[in-house]
Amino acid sequence: LDPELWSNEAMALVWNNKGIALSFL
């Protein structure tokens, strides 16, 4: 991953949205 594009905040967003999808299931 390009660290300039994928900052901690961006990765946190990915984890959060994966969590939301898992909760729907």
PDBML (XML) file of the C-alpha atoms, coordinates in Angstrom:
<?xml version="1.0" encoding="UTF-8" ?>
<PDBx:datablock datablockName="MODEL"
   xmlns:PDBx="http://pdbml.pdb.org/schema/pdbx-v50.xsd"
   xmlns:xsi="http://www.w3.org/2001/XMLSchema-instance"
   xsi:schemaLocation="http://pdbml.pdb.org/schema/pdbx-v50.xsd pdbx-v50.xsd">
   <PDBx:atom_siteCategory>
      <PDBx:atom_site id="1">
         <PDBx:B_iso_or_equiv>0.00</PDBx:B_iso_or_equiv>
         <PDBx:Cartn_x>0.000</PDBx:Cartn_x>
         <PDBx:Cartn_y>0.000</PDBx:Cartn_y>
         <PDBx:Cartn_z>0.000</PDBx:Cartn_z>
         <PDBx:auth_asym_id>A</PDBx:auth_asym_id>
         <PDBx:auth_atom_id>CA</PDBx:auth_atom_id>
         <PDBx:auth_comp_id>LEU</PDBx:auth_comp_id>
         <PDBx:auth_seq_id>1</PDBx:auth_seq_id>
         <PDBx:group_PDB>ATOM</PDBx:group_PDB>
         <PDBx:label_alt_id xsi:nil="true" />
         <PDBx:label_asym_id>A</PDBx:label_asym_id>
         <PDBx:label_atom_id>CA</PDBx:label_atom_id>
         <PDBx:label_comp_id>LEU</PDBx:label_comp_id>
         <PDBx:label_entity_id>1</PDBx:label_entity_id>
         <PDBx:label_seq_id>1</PDBx:label_seq_id>
         <PDBx:occupancy>1.00</PDBx:occupancy>
         <PDBx:pdbx_PDB_model_num>1</PDBx:pdbx_PDB_model_num>
         <PDBx:type_symbol>C</PDBx:type_symbol>
      </PDBx:atom_site>
      <PDBx:atom_site id="2">
         <PDBx:B_iso_or_equiv>0.00</PDBx:B_iso_or_equiv>
         <PDBx:Cartn_x>1.146</PDBx:Cartn_x>
         <PDBx:Cartn_y>3.527</PDBx:Cartn_y>
         <PDBx:Cartn_z>-0.794</PDBx:Cartn_z>
         <PDBx:auth_asym_id>A</PDBx:auth_asym_id>
         <PDBx:auth_atom_id>CA</PDBx:auth_atom_id>
         <PDBx:auth_comp_id>ASP</PDBx:auth_comp_id>
         <PDBx:auth_seq_id>2</PDBx:auth_seq_id>
         <PDBx:group_PDB>ATOM</PDBx:group_PDB>
         <PDBx:label_alt_id xsi:nil="true" />
         <PDBx:label_asym_id>A</PDBx:label_asym_id>
         <PDBx:label_atom_id>CA</PDBx:label_atom_id>
         <PDBx:label_comp_id>ASP</PDBx:label_comp_id>
         <PDBx:label_entity_id>1</PDBx:label_entity_id>
         <PDBx:label_seq_id>2</PDBx:label_seq_id>
         <PDBx:occupancy>1.00</PDBx:occupancy>
         <PDBx:pdbx_PDB_model_num>1</PDBx:pdbx_PDB_model_num>
         <PDBx:type_symbol>C</PDBx:type_symbol>
      </PDBx:atom_site>
      <PDBx:atom_site id="3">
         <PDBx:B_iso_or_equiv>0.00</PDBx:B_iso_or_equiv>
         <PDBx:Cartn_x>1.558</PDBx:Cartn_x>
         <PDBx:Cartn_y>5.142</PDBx:Cartn_y>
         <PDBx:Cartn_z>2.673</PDBx:Cartn_z>
         <PDBx:auth_asym_id>A</PDBx:auth_asym_id>
         <PDBx:auth_atom_id>CA</PDBx:auth_atom_id>
         <PDBx:auth_comp_id>PRO</PDBx:auth_comp_id>
         <PDBx:auth_seq_id>3</PDBx:auth_seq_id>
         <PDBx:group_PDB>ATOM</PDBx:group_PDB>
         <PDBx:label_alt_id xsi:nil="true" />
         <PDBx:label_asym_id>A</PDBx:label_asym_id>
         <PDBx:label_atom_id>CA</PDBx:label_atom_id>
         <PDBx:label_comp_id>PRO</PDBx:label_comp_id>
         <PDBx:label_entity_id>1</PDBx:label_entity_id>
         <PDBx:label_seq_id>3</PDBx:label_seq_id>
         <PDBx:occupancy>1.00</PDBx:occupancy>
         <PDBx:pdbx_PDB_model_num>1</PDBx:pdbx_PDB_model_num>
         <PDBx:type_symbol>C</PDBx:type_symbol>
      </PDBx:atom_site>
      <PDBx:atom_site id="4">
         <PDBx:B_iso_or_equiv>0.00</PDBx:B_iso_or_equiv>
         <PDBx:Cartn_x>0.703</PDBx:Cartn_x>
         <PDBx:Cartn_y>8.558</PDBx:Cartn_y>
         <PDBx:Cartn_z>1.260</PDBx:Cartn_z>
         <PDBx:auth_asym_id>A</PDBx:auth_asym_id>
         <PDBx:auth_atom_id>CA</PDBx:auth_atom_id>
         <PDBx:auth_comp_id>GLU</PDBx:auth_comp_id>
         <PDBx:auth_seq_id>4</PDBx:auth_seq_id>
         <PDBx:group_PDB>ATOM</PDBx:group_PDB>
         <PDBx:label_alt_id xsi:nil="true" />
         <PDBx:label_asym_id>A</PDBx:label_asym_id>
         <PDBx:label_atom_id>CA</PDBx:label_atom_id>
         <PDBx:label_comp_id>GLU</PDBx:label_comp_id>
         <PDBx:label_entity_id>1</PDBx:label_entity_id>
         <PDBx:label_seq_id>4</PDBx:label_seq_id>
         <PDBx:occupancy>1.00</PDBx:occupancy>
         <PDBx:pdbx_PDB_model_num>1</PDBx:pdbx_PDB_model_num>
         <PDBx:type_symbol>C</PDBx:type_symbol>
      </PDBx:atom_site>
      <PDBx:atom_site id="5">
         <PDBx:B_iso_or_equiv>0.00</PDBx:B_iso_or_equiv>
         <PDBx:Cartn_x>-2.670</PDBx:Cartn_x>
         <PDBx:Cartn_y>7.283</PDBx:Cartn_y>
         <PDBx:Cartn_z>0.076</PDBx:Cartn_z>
         <PDBx:auth_asym_id>A</PDBx:auth_asym_id>
         <PDBx:auth_atom_id>CA</PDBx:auth_atom_id>
         <PDBx:auth_comp_id>LEU</PDBx:auth_comp_id>
         <PDBx:auth_seq_id>5</PDBx:auth_seq_id>
         <PDBx:group_PDB>ATOM</PDBx:group_PDB>
         <PDBx:label_alt_id xsi:nil="true" />
         <PDBx:label_asym_id>A</PDBx:label_asym_id>
         <PDBx:label_atom_id>CA</PDBx:label_atom_id>
         <PDBx:label_comp_id>LEU</PDBx:label_comp_id>
         <PDBx:label_entity_id>1</PDBx:label_entity_id>
         <PDBx:label_seq_id>5</PDBx:label_seq_id>
         <PDBx:occupancy>1.00</PDBx:occupancy>
         <PDBx:pdbx_PDB_model_num>1</PDBx:pdbx_PDB_model_num>
         <PDBx:type_symbol>C</PDBx:type_symbol>
      </PDBx:atom_site>
      <PDBx:atom_site id="6">
         <PDBx:B_iso_or_equiv>0.00</PDBx:B_iso_or_equiv>
         <PDBx:Cartn_x>-3.307</PDBx:Cartn_x>
         <PDBx:Cartn_y>4.778</PDBx:Cartn_y>
         <PDBx:Cartn_z>2.812</PDBx:Cartn_z>
         <PDBx:auth_asym_id>A</PDBx:auth_asym_id>
         <PDBx:auth_atom_id>CA</PDBx:auth_atom_id>
         <PDBx:auth_comp_id>TRP</PDBx:auth_comp_id>
         <PDBx:auth_seq_id>6</PDBx:auth_seq_id>
         <PDBx:group_PDB>ATOM</PDBx:group_PDB>
         <PDBx:label_alt_id xsi:nil="true" />
         <PDBx:label_asym_id>A</PDBx:label_asym_id>
         <PDBx:label_atom_id>CA</PDBx:label_atom_id>
         <PDBx:label_comp_id>TRP</PDBx:label_comp_id>
         <PDBx:label_entity_id>1</PDBx:label_entity_id>
         <PDBx:label_seq_id>6</PDBx:label_seq_id>
         <PDBx:occupancy>1.00</PDBx:occupancy>
         <PDBx:pdbx_PDB_model_num>1</PDBx:pdbx_PDB_model_num>
         <PDBx:type_symbol>C</PDBx:type_symbol>
      </PDBx:atom_site>
      <PDBx:atom_site id="7">
         <PDBx:B_iso_or_equiv>0.00</PDBx:B_iso_or_equiv>
         <PDBx:Cartn_x>-2.763</PDBx:Cartn_x>
         <PDBx:Cartn_y>6.711</PDBx:Cartn_y>
         <PDBx:Cartn_z>6.020</PDBx:Cartn_z>
         <PDBx:auth_asym_id>A</PDBx:auth_asym_id>
         <PDBx:auth_atom_id>CA</PDBx:auth_atom_id>
         <PDBx:auth_comp_id>SER</PDBx:auth_comp_id>
         <PDBx:auth_seq_id>7</PDBx:auth_seq_id>
         <PDBx:group_PDB>ATOM</PDBx:group_PDB>
         <PDBx:label_alt_id xsi:nil="true" />
         <PDBx:label_asym_id>A</PDBx:label_asym_id>
         <PDBx:label_atom_id>CA</PDBx:label_atom_id>
         <PDBx:label_comp_id>SER</PDBx:label_comp_id>
         <PDBx:label_entity_id>1</PDBx:label_entity_id>
         <PDBx:label_seq_id>7</PDBx:label_seq_id>
         <PDBx:occupancy>1.00</PDBx:occupancy>
         <PDBx:pdbx_PDB_model_num>1</PDBx:pdbx_PDB_model_num>
         <PDBx:type_symbol>C</PDBx:type_symbol>
      </PDBx:atom_site>
      <PDBx:atom_site id="8">
         <PDBx:B_iso_or_equiv>0.00</PDBx:B_iso_or_equiv>
         <PDBx:Cartn_x>-3.896</PDBx:Cartn_x>
         <PDBx:Cartn_y>5.457</PDBx:Cartn_y>
         <PDBx:Cartn_z>9.423</PDBx:Cartn_z>
         <PDBx:auth_asym_id>A</PDBx:auth_asym_id>
         <PDBx:auth_atom_id>CA</PDBx:auth_atom_id>
         <PDBx:auth_comp_id>ASN</PDBx:auth_comp_id>
         <PDBx:auth_seq_id>8</PDBx:auth_seq_id>
         <PDBx:group_PDB>ATOM</PDBx:group_PDB>
         <PDBx:label_alt_id xsi:nil="true" />
         <PDBx:label_asym_id>A</PDBx:label_asym_id>
         <PDBx:label_atom_id>CA</PDBx:label_atom_id>
         <PDBx:label_comp_id>ASN</PDBx:label_comp_id>
         <PDBx:label_entity_id>1</PDBx:label_entity_id>
         <PDBx:label_seq_id>8</PDBx:label_seq_id>
         <PDBx:occupancy>1.00</PDBx:occupancy>
         <PDBx:pdbx_PDB_model_num>1</PDBx:pdbx_PDB_model_num>
         <PDBx:type_symbol>C</PDBx:type_symbol>
      </PDBx:atom_site>
      <PDBx:atom_site id="9">
         <PDBx:B_iso_or_equiv>0.00</PDBx:B_iso_or_equiv>
         <PDBx:Cartn_x>-7.151</PDBx:Cartn_x>
         <PDBx:Cartn_y>7.378</PDBx:Cartn_y>
         <PDBx:Cartn_z>8.970</PDBx:Cartn_z>
         <PDBx:auth_asym_id>A</PDBx:auth_asym_id>
         <PDBx:auth_atom_id>CA</PDBx:auth_atom_id>
         <PDBx:auth_comp_id>GLU</PDBx:auth_comp_id>
         <PDBx:auth_seq_id>9</PDBx:auth_seq_id>
         <PDBx:group_PDB>ATOM</PDBx:group_PDB>
         <PDBx:label_alt_id xsi:nil="true" />
         <PDBx:label_asym_id>A</PDBx:label_asym_id>
         <PDBx:label_atom_id>CA</PDBx:label_atom_id>
         <PDBx:label_comp_id>GLU</PDBx:label_comp_id>
         <PDBx:label_entity_id>1</PDBx:label_entity_id>
         <PDBx:label_seq_id>9</PDBx:label_seq_id>
         <PDBx:occupancy>1.00</PDBx:occupancy>
         <PDBx:pdbx_PDB_model_num>1</PDBx:pdbx_PDB_model_num>
         <PDBx:type_symbol>C</PDBx:type_symbol>
      </PDBx:atom_site>
      <PDBx:atom_site id="10">
         <PDBx:B_iso_or_equiv>0.00</PDBx:B_iso_or_equiv>
         <PDBx:Cartn_x>-7.781</PDBx:Cartn_x>
         <PDBx:Cartn_y>5.735</PDBx:Cartn_y>
         <PDBx:Cartn_z>5.590</PDBx:Cartn_z>
         <PDBx:auth_asym_id>A</PDBx:auth_asym_id>
         <PDBx:auth_atom_id>CA</PDBx:auth_atom_id>
         <PDBx:auth_comp_id>ALA</PDBx:auth_comp_id>
         <PDBx:auth_seq_id>10</PDBx:auth_seq_id>
         <PDBx:group_PDB>ATOM</PDBx:group_PDB>
         <PDBx:label_alt_id xsi:nil="true" />
         <PDBx:label_asym_id>A</PDBx:label_asym_id>
         <PDBx:label_atom_id>CA</PDBx:label_atom_id>
         <PDBx:label_comp_id>ALA</PDBx:label_comp_id>
         <PDBx:label_entity_id>1</PDBx:label_entity_id>
         <PDBx:label_seq_id>10</PDBx:label_seq_id>
         <PDBx:occupancy>1.00</PDBx:occupancy>
         <PDBx:pdbx_PDB_model_num>1</PDBx:pdbx_PDB_model_num>
         <PDBx:type_symbol>C</PDBx:type_symbol>
      </PDBx:atom_site>
      <PDBx:atom_site id="11">
         <PDBx:B_iso_or_equiv>0.00</PDBx:B_iso_or_equiv>
         <PDBx:Cartn_x>-7.071</PDBx:Cartn_x>
         <PDBx:Cartn_y>2.262</PDBx:Cartn_y>
         <PDBx:Cartn_z>6.946</PDBx:Cartn_z>
         <PDBx:auth_asym_id>A</PDBx:auth_asym_id>
         <PDBx:auth_atom_id>CA</PDBx:auth_atom_id>
         <PDBx:auth_comp_id>MET</PDBx:auth_comp_id>
         <PDBx:auth_seq_id>11</PDBx:auth_seq_id>
         <PDBx:group_PDB>ATOM</PDBx:group_PDB>
         <PDBx:label_alt_id xsi:nil="true" />
         <PDBx:label_asym_id>A</PDBx:label_asym_id>
         <PDBx:label_atom_id>CA</PDBx:label_atom_id>
         <PDBx:label_comp_id>MET</PDBx:label_comp_id>
         <PDBx:label_entity_id>1</PDBx:label_entity_id>
         <PDBx:label_seq_id>11</PDBx:label_seq_id>
         <PDBx:occupancy>1.00</PDBx:occupancy>
         <PDBx:pdbx_PDB_model_num>1</PDBx:pdbx_PDB_model_num>
         <PDBx:type_symbol>C</PDBx:type_symbol>
      </PDBx:atom_site>
      <PDBx:atom_site id="12">
         <PDBx:B_iso_or_equiv>0.00</PDBx:B_iso_or_equiv>
         <PDBx:Cartn_x>-9.287</PDBx:Cartn_x>
         <PDBx:Cartn_y>2.982</PDBx:Cartn_y>
         <PDBx:Cartn_z>9.950</PDBx:Cartn_z>
         <PDBx:auth_asym_id>A</PDBx:auth_asym_id>
         <PDBx:auth_atom_id>CA</PDBx:auth_atom_id>
         <PDBx:auth_comp_id>ALA</PDBx:auth_comp_id>
         <PDBx:auth_seq_id>12</PDBx:auth_seq_id>
         <PDBx:group_PDB>ATOM</PDBx:group_PDB>
         <PDBx:label_alt_id xsi:nil="true" />
         <PDBx:label_asym_id>A</PDBx:label_asym_id>
         <PDBx:label_atom_id>CA</PDBx:label_atom_id>
         <PDBx:label_comp_id>ALA</PDBx:label_comp_id>
         <PDBx:label_entity_id>1</PDBx:label_entity_id>
         <PDBx:label_seq_id>12</PDBx:label_seq_id>
         <PDBx:occupancy>1.00</PDBx:occupancy>
         <PDBx:pdbx_PDB_model_num>1</PDBx:pdbx_PDB_model_num>
         <PDBx:type_symbol>C</PDBx:type_symbol>
      </PDBx:atom_site>
      <PDBx:atom_site id="13">
         <PDBx:B_iso_or_equiv>0.00</PDBx:B_iso_or_equiv>
         <PDBx:Cartn_x>-12.079</PDBx:Cartn_x>
         <PDBx:Cartn_y>3.756</PDBx:Cartn_y>
         <PDBx:Cartn_z>7.488</PDBx:Cartn_z>
         <PDBx:auth_asym_id>A</PDBx:auth_asym_id>
         <PDBx:auth_atom_id>CA</PDBx:auth_atom_id>
         <PDBx:auth_comp_id>LEU</PDBx:auth_comp_id>
         <PDBx:auth_seq_id>13</PDBx:auth_seq_id>
         <PDBx:group_PDB>ATOM</PDBx:group_PDB>
         <PDBx:label_alt_id xsi:nil="true" />
         <PDBx:label_asym_id>A</PDBx:label_asym_id>
         <PDBx:label_atom_id>CA</PDBx:label_atom_id>
         <PDBx:label_comp_id>LEU</PDBx:label_comp_id>
         <PDBx:label_entity_id>1</PDBx:label_entity_id>
         <PDBx:label_seq_id>13</PDBx:label_seq_id>
         <PDBx:occupancy>1.00</PDBx:occupancy>
         <PDBx:pdbx_PDB_model_num>1</PDBx:pdbx_PDB_model_num>
         <PDBx:type_symbol>C</PDBx:type_symbol>
      </PDBx:atom_site>
      <PDBx:atom_site id="14">
         <PDBx:B_iso_or_equiv>0.00</PDBx:B_iso_or_equiv>
         <PDBx:Cartn_x>-11.546</PDBx:Cartn_x>
         <PDBx:Cartn_y>0.400</PDBx:Cartn_y>
         <PDBx:Cartn_z>5.784</PDBx:Cartn_z>
         <PDBx:auth_asym_id>A</PDBx:auth_asym_id>
         <PDBx:auth_atom_id>CA</PDBx:auth_atom_id>
         <PDBx:auth_comp_id>VAL</PDBx:auth_comp_id>
         <PDBx:auth_seq_id>14</PDBx:auth_seq_id>
         <PDBx:group_PDB>ATOM</PDBx:group_PDB>
         <PDBx:label_alt_id xsi:nil="true" />
         <PDBx:label_asym_id>A</PDBx:label_asym_id>
         <PDBx:label_atom_id>CA</PDBx:label_atom_id>
         <PDBx:label_comp_id>VAL</PDBx:label_comp_id>
         <PDBx:label_entity_id>1</PDBx:label_entity_id>
         <PDBx:label_seq_id>14</PDBx:label_seq_id>
         <PDBx:occupancy>1.00</PDBx:occupancy>
         <PDBx:pdbx_PDB_model_num>1</PDBx:pdbx_PDB_model_num>
         <PDBx:type_symbol>C</PDBx:type_symbol>
      </PDBx:atom_site>
      <PDBx:atom_site id="15">
         <PDBx:B_iso_or_equiv>0.00</PDBx:B_iso_or_equiv>
         <PDBx:Cartn_x>-11.648</PDBx:Cartn_x>
         <PDBx:Cartn_y>-1.485</PDBx:Cartn_y>
         <PDBx:Cartn_z>9.093</PDBx:Cartn_z>
         <PDBx:auth_asym_id>A</PDBx:auth_asym_id>
         <PDBx:auth_atom_id>CA</PDBx:auth_atom_id>
         <PDBx:auth_comp_id>TRP</PDBx:auth_comp_id>
         <PDBx:auth_seq_id>15</PDBx:auth_seq_id>
         <PDBx:group_PDB>ATOM</PDBx:group_PDB>
         <PDBx:label_alt_id xsi:nil="true" />
         <PDBx:label_asym_id>A</PDBx:label_asym_id>
         <PDBx:label_atom_id>CA</PDBx:label_atom_id>
         <PDBx:label_comp_id>TRP</PDBx:label_comp_id>
         <PDBx:label_entity_id>1</PDBx:label_entity_id>
         <PDBx:label_seq_id>15</PDBx:label_seq_id>
         <PDBx:occupancy>1.00</PDBx:occupancy>
         <PDBx:pdbx_PDB_model_num>1</PDBx:pdbx_PDB_model_num>
         <PDBx:type_symbol>C</PDBx:type_symbol>
      </PDBx:atom_site>
      <PDBx:atom_site id="16">
         <PDBx:B_iso_or_equiv>0.00</PDBx:B_iso_or_equiv>
         <PDBx:Cartn_x>-14.784</PDBx:Cartn_x>
         <PDBx:Cartn_y>0.395</PDBx:Cartn_y>
         <PDBx:Cartn_z>10.150</PDBx:Cartn_z>
         <PDBx:auth_asym_id>A</PDBx:auth_asym_id>
         <PDBx:auth_atom_id>CA</PDBx:auth_atom_id>
         <PDBx:auth_comp_id>ASN</PDBx:auth_comp_id>
         <PDBx:auth_seq_id>16</PDBx:auth_seq_id>
         <PDBx:group_PDB>ATOM</PDBx:group_PDB>
         <PDBx:label_alt_id xsi:nil="true" />
         <PDBx:label_asym_id>A</PDBx:label_asym_id>
         <PDBx:label_atom_id>CA</PDBx:label_atom_id>
         <PDBx:label_comp_id>ASN</PDBx:label_comp_id>
         <PDBx:label_entity_id>1</PDBx:label_entity_id>
         <PDBx:label_seq_id>16</PDBx:label_seq_id>
         <PDBx:occupancy>1.00</PDBx:occupancy>
         <PDBx:pdbx_PDB_model_num>1</PDBx:pdbx_PDB_model_num>
         <PDBx:type_symbol>C</PDBx:type_symbol>
      </PDBx:atom_site>
      <PDBx:atom_site id="17">
         <PDBx:B_iso_or_equiv>0.00</PDBx:B_iso_or_equiv>
         <PDBx:Cartn_x>-16.655</PDBx:Cartn_x>
         <PDBx:Cartn_y>-0.318</PDBx:Cartn_y>
         <PDBx:Cartn_z>6.939</PDBx:Cartn_z>
         <PDBx:auth_asym_id>A</PDBx:auth_asym_id>
         <PDBx:auth_atom_id>CA</PDBx:auth_atom_id>
         <PDBx:auth_comp_id>ASN</PDBx:auth_comp_id>
         <PDBx:auth_seq_id>17</PDBx:auth_seq_id>
         <PDBx:group_PDB>ATOM</PDBx:group_PDB>
         <PDBx:label_alt_id xsi:nil="true" />
         <PDBx:label_asym_id>A</PDBx:label_asym_id>
         <PDBx:label_atom_id>CA</PDBx:label_atom_id>
         <PDBx:label_comp_id>ASN</PDBx:label_comp_id>
         <PDBx:label_entity_id>1</PDBx:label_entity_id>
         <PDBx:label_seq_id>17</PDBx:label_seq_id>
         <PDBx:occupancy>1.00</PDBx:occupancy>
         <PDBx:pdbx_PDB_model_num>1</PDBx:pdbx_PDB_model_num>
         <PDBx:type_symbol>C</PDBx:type_symbol>
      </PDBx:atom_site>
      <PDBx:atom_site id="18">
         <PDBx:B_iso_or_equiv>0.00</PDBx:B_iso_or_equiv>
         <PDBx:Cartn_x>-15.651</PDBx:Cartn_x>
         <PDBx:Cartn_y>-3.975</PDBx:Cartn_y>
         <PDBx:Cartn_z>6.996</PDBx:Cartn_z>
         <PDBx:auth_asym_id>A</PDBx:auth_asym_id>
         <PDBx:auth_atom_id>CA</PDBx:auth_atom_id>
         <PDBx:auth_comp_id>LYS</PDBx:auth_comp_id>
         <PDBx:auth_seq_id>18</PDBx:auth_seq_id>
         <PDBx:group_PDB>ATOM</PDBx:group_PDB>
         <PDBx:label_alt_id xsi:nil="true" />
         <PDBx:label_asym_id>A</PDBx:label_asym_id>
         <PDBx:label_atom_id>CA</PDBx:label_atom_id>
         <PDBx:label_comp_id>LYS</PDBx:label_comp_id>
         <PDBx:label_entity_id>1</PDBx:label_entity_id>
         <PDBx:label_seq_id>18</PDBx:label_seq_id>
         <PDBx:occupancy>1.00</PDBx:occupancy>
         <PDBx:pdbx_PDB_model_num>1</PDBx:pdbx_PDB_model_num>
         <PDBx:type_symbol>C</PDBx:type_symbol>
      </PDBx:atom_site>
      <PDBx:atom_site id="19">
         <PDBx:B_iso_or_equiv>0.00</PDBx:B_iso_or_equiv>
         <PDBx:Cartn_x>-17.033</PDBx:Cartn_x>
         <PDBx:Cartn_y>-4.094</PDBx:Cartn_y>
         <PDBx:Cartn_z>10.542</PDBx:Cartn_z>
         <PDBx:auth_asym_id>A</PDBx:auth_asym_id>
         <PDBx:auth_atom_id>CA</PDBx:auth_atom_id>
         <PDBx:auth_comp_id>GLY</PDBx:auth_comp_id>
         <PDBx:auth_seq_id>19</PDBx:auth_seq_id>
         <PDBx:group_PDB>ATOM</PDBx:group_PDB>
         <PDBx:label_alt_id xsi:nil="true" />
         <PDBx:label_asym_id>A</PDBx:label_asym_id>
         <PDBx:label_atom_id>CA</PDBx:label_atom_id>
         <PDBx:label_comp_id>GLY</PDBx:label_comp_id>
         <PDBx:label_entity_id>1</PDBx:label_entity_id>
         <PDBx:label_seq_id>19</PDBx:label_seq_id>
         <PDBx:occupancy>1.00</PDBx:occupancy>
         <PDBx:pdbx_PDB_model_num>1</PDBx:pdbx_PDB_model_num>
         <PDBx:type_symbol>C</PDBx:type_symbol>
      </PDBx:atom_site>
      <PDBx:atom_site id="20">
         <PDBx:B_iso_or_equiv>0.00</PDBx:B_iso_or_equiv>
         <PDBx:Cartn_x>-20.318</PDBx:Cartn_x>
         <PDBx:Cartn_y>-2.553</PDBx:Cartn_y>
         <PDBx:Cartn_z>9.412</PDBx:Cartn_z>
         <PDBx:auth_asym_id>A</PDBx:auth_asym_id>
         <PDBx:auth_atom_id>CA</PDBx:auth_atom_id>
         <PDBx:auth_comp_id>ILE</PDBx:auth_comp_id>
         <PDBx:auth_seq_id>20</PDBx:auth_seq_id>
         <PDBx:group_PDB>ATOM</PDBx:group_PDB>
         <PDBx:label_alt_id xsi:nil="true" />
         <PDBx:label_asym_id>A</PDBx:label_asym_id>
         <PDBx:label_atom_id>CA</PDBx:label_atom_id>
         <PDBx:label_comp_id>ILE</PDBx:label_comp_id>
         <PDBx:label_entity_id>1</PDBx:label_entity_id>
         <PDBx:label_seq_id>20</PDBx:label_seq_id>
         <PDBx:occupancy>1.00</PDBx:occupancy>
         <PDBx:pdbx_PDB_model_num>1</PDBx:pdbx_PDB_model_num>
         <PDBx:type_symbol>C</PDBx:type_symbol>
      </PDBx:atom_site>
      <PDBx:atom_site id="21">
         <PDBx:B_iso_or_equiv>0.00</PDBx:B_iso_or_equiv>
         <PDBx:Cartn_x>-20.651</PDBx:Cartn_x>
         <PDBx:Cartn_y>-5.121</PDBx:Cartn_y>
         <PDBx:Cartn_z>6.621</PDBx:Cartn_z>
         <PDBx:auth_asym_id>A</PDBx:auth_asym_id>
         <PDBx:auth_atom_id>CA</PDBx:auth_atom_id>
         <PDBx:auth_comp_id>ALA</PDBx:auth_comp_id>
         <PDBx:auth_seq_id>21</PDBx:auth_seq_id>
         <PDBx:group_PDB>ATOM</PDBx:group_PDB>
         <PDBx:label_alt_id xsi:nil="true" />
         <PDBx:label_asym_id>A</PDBx:label_asym_id>
         <PDBx:label_atom_id>CA</PDBx:label_atom_id>
         <PDBx:label_comp_id>ALA</PDBx:label_comp_id>
         <PDBx:label_entity_id>1</PDBx:label_entity_id>
         <PDBx:label_seq_id>21</PDBx:label_seq_id>
         <PDBx:occupancy>1.00</PDBx:occupancy>
         <PDBx:pdbx_PDB_model_num>1</PDBx:pdbx_PDB_model_num>
         <PDBx:type_symbol>C</PDBx:type_symbol>
      </PDBx:atom_site>
      <PDBx:atom_site id="22">
         <PDBx:B_iso_or_equiv>0.00</PDBx:B_iso_or_equiv>
         <PDBx:Cartn_x>-19.928</PDBx:Cartn_x>
         <PDBx:Cartn_y>-7.970</PDBx:Cartn_y>
         <PDBx:Cartn_z>9.044</PDBx:Cartn_z>
         <PDBx:auth_asym_id>A</PDBx:auth_asym_id>
         <PDBx:auth_atom_id>CA</PDBx:auth_atom_id>
         <PDBx:auth_comp_id>LEU</PDBx:auth_comp_id>
         <PDBx:auth_seq_id>22</PDBx:auth_seq_id>
         <PDBx:group_PDB>ATOM</PDBx:group_PDB>
         <PDBx:label_alt_id xsi:nil="true" />
         <PDBx:label_asym_id>A</PDBx:label_asym_id>
         <PDBx:label_atom_id>CA</PDBx:label_atom_id>
         <PDBx:label_comp_id>LEU</PDBx:label_comp_id>
         <PDBx:label_entity_id>1</PDBx:label_entity_id>
         <PDBx:label_seq_id>22</PDBx:label_seq_id>
         <PDBx:occupancy>1.00</PDBx:occupancy>
         <PDBx:pdbx_PDB_model_num>1</PDBx:pdbx_PDB_model_num>
         <PDBx:type_symbol>C</PDBx:type_symbol>
      </PDBx:atom_site>
      <PDBx:atom_site id="23">
         <PDBx:B_iso_or_equiv>0.00</PDBx:B_iso_or_equiv>
         <PDBx:Cartn_x>-22.569</PDBx:Cartn_x>
         <PDBx:Cartn_y>-6.646</PDBx:Cartn_y>
         <PDBx:Cartn_z>11.454</PDBx:Cartn_z>
         <PDBx:auth_asym_id>A</PDBx:auth_asym_id>
         <PDBx:auth_atom_id>CA</PDBx:auth_atom_id>
         <PDBx:auth_comp_id>SER</PDBx:auth_comp_id>
         <PDBx:auth_seq_id>23</PDBx:auth_seq_id>
         <PDBx:group_PDB>ATOM</PDBx:group_PDB>
         <PDBx:label_alt_id xsi:nil="true" />
         <PDBx:label_asym_id>A</PDBx:label_asym_id>
         <PDBx:label_atom_id>CA</PDBx:label_atom_id>
         <PDBx:label_comp_id>SER</PDBx:label_comp_id>
         <PDBx:label_entity_id>1</PDBx:label_entity_id>
         <PDBx:label_seq_id>23</PDBx:label_seq_id>
         <PDBx:occupancy>1.00</PDBx:occupancy>
         <PDBx:pdbx_PDB_model_num>1</PDBx:pdbx_PDB_model_num>
         <PDBx:type_symbol>C</PDBx:type_symbol>
      </PDBx:atom_site>
      <PDBx:atom_site id="24">
         <PDBx:B_iso_or_equiv>0.00</PDBx:B_iso_or_equiv>
         <PDBx:Cartn_x>-25.145</PDBx:Cartn_x>
         <PDBx:Cartn_y>-6.708</PDBx:Cartn_y>
         <PDBx:Cartn_z>8.634</PDBx:Cartn_z>
         <PDBx:auth_asym_id>A</PDBx:auth_asym_id>
         <PDBx:auth_atom_id>CA</PDBx:auth_atom_id>
         <PDBx:auth_comp_id>PHE</PDBx:auth_comp_id>
         <PDBx:auth_seq_id>24</PDBx:auth_seq_id>
         <PDBx:group_PDB>ATOM</PDBx:group_PDB>
         <PDBx:label_alt_id xsi:nil="true" />
         <PDBx:label_asym_id>A</PDBx:label_asym_id>
         <PDBx:label_atom_id>CA</PDBx:label_atom_id>
         <PDBx:label_comp_id>PHE</PDBx:label_comp_id>
         <PDBx:label_entity_id>1</PDBx:label_entity_id>
         <PDBx:label_seq_id>24</PDBx:label_seq_id>
         <PDBx:occupancy>1.00</PDBx:occupancy>
         <PDBx:pdbx_PDB_model_num>1</PDBx:pdbx_PDB_model_num>
         <PDBx:type_symbol>C</PDBx:type_symbol>
      </PDBx:atom_site>
      <PDBx:atom_site id="25">
         <PDBx:B_iso_or_equiv>0.00</PDBx:B_iso_or_equiv>
         <PDBx:Cartn_x>-24.406</PDBx:Cartn_x>
         <PDBx:Cartn_y>-10.428</PDBx:Cartn_y>
         <PDBx:Cartn_z>8.297</PDBx:Cartn_z>
         <PDBx:auth_asym_id>A</PDBx:auth_asym_id>
         <PDBx:auth_atom_id>CA</PDBx:auth_atom_id>
         <PDBx:auth_comp_id>LEU</PDBx:auth_comp_id>
         <PDBx:auth_seq_id>25</PDBx:auth_seq_id>
         <PDBx:group_PDB>ATOM</PDBx:group_PDB>
         <PDBx:label_alt_id xsi:nil="true" />
         <PDBx:label_asym_id>A</PDBx:label_asym_id>
         <PDBx:label_atom_id>CA</PDBx:label_atom_id>
         <PDBx:label_comp_id>LEU</PDBx:label_comp_id>
         <PDBx:label_entity_id>1</PDBx:label_entity_id>
         <PDBx:label_seq_id>25</PDBx:label_seq_id>
         <PDBx:occupancy>1.00</PDBx:occupancy>
         <PDBx:pdbx_PDB_model_num>1</PDBx:pdbx_PDB_model_num>
         <PDBx:type_symbol>C</PDBx:type_symbol>
      </PDBx:atom_site>
   </PDBx:atom_siteCategory>
</PDBx:datablock>
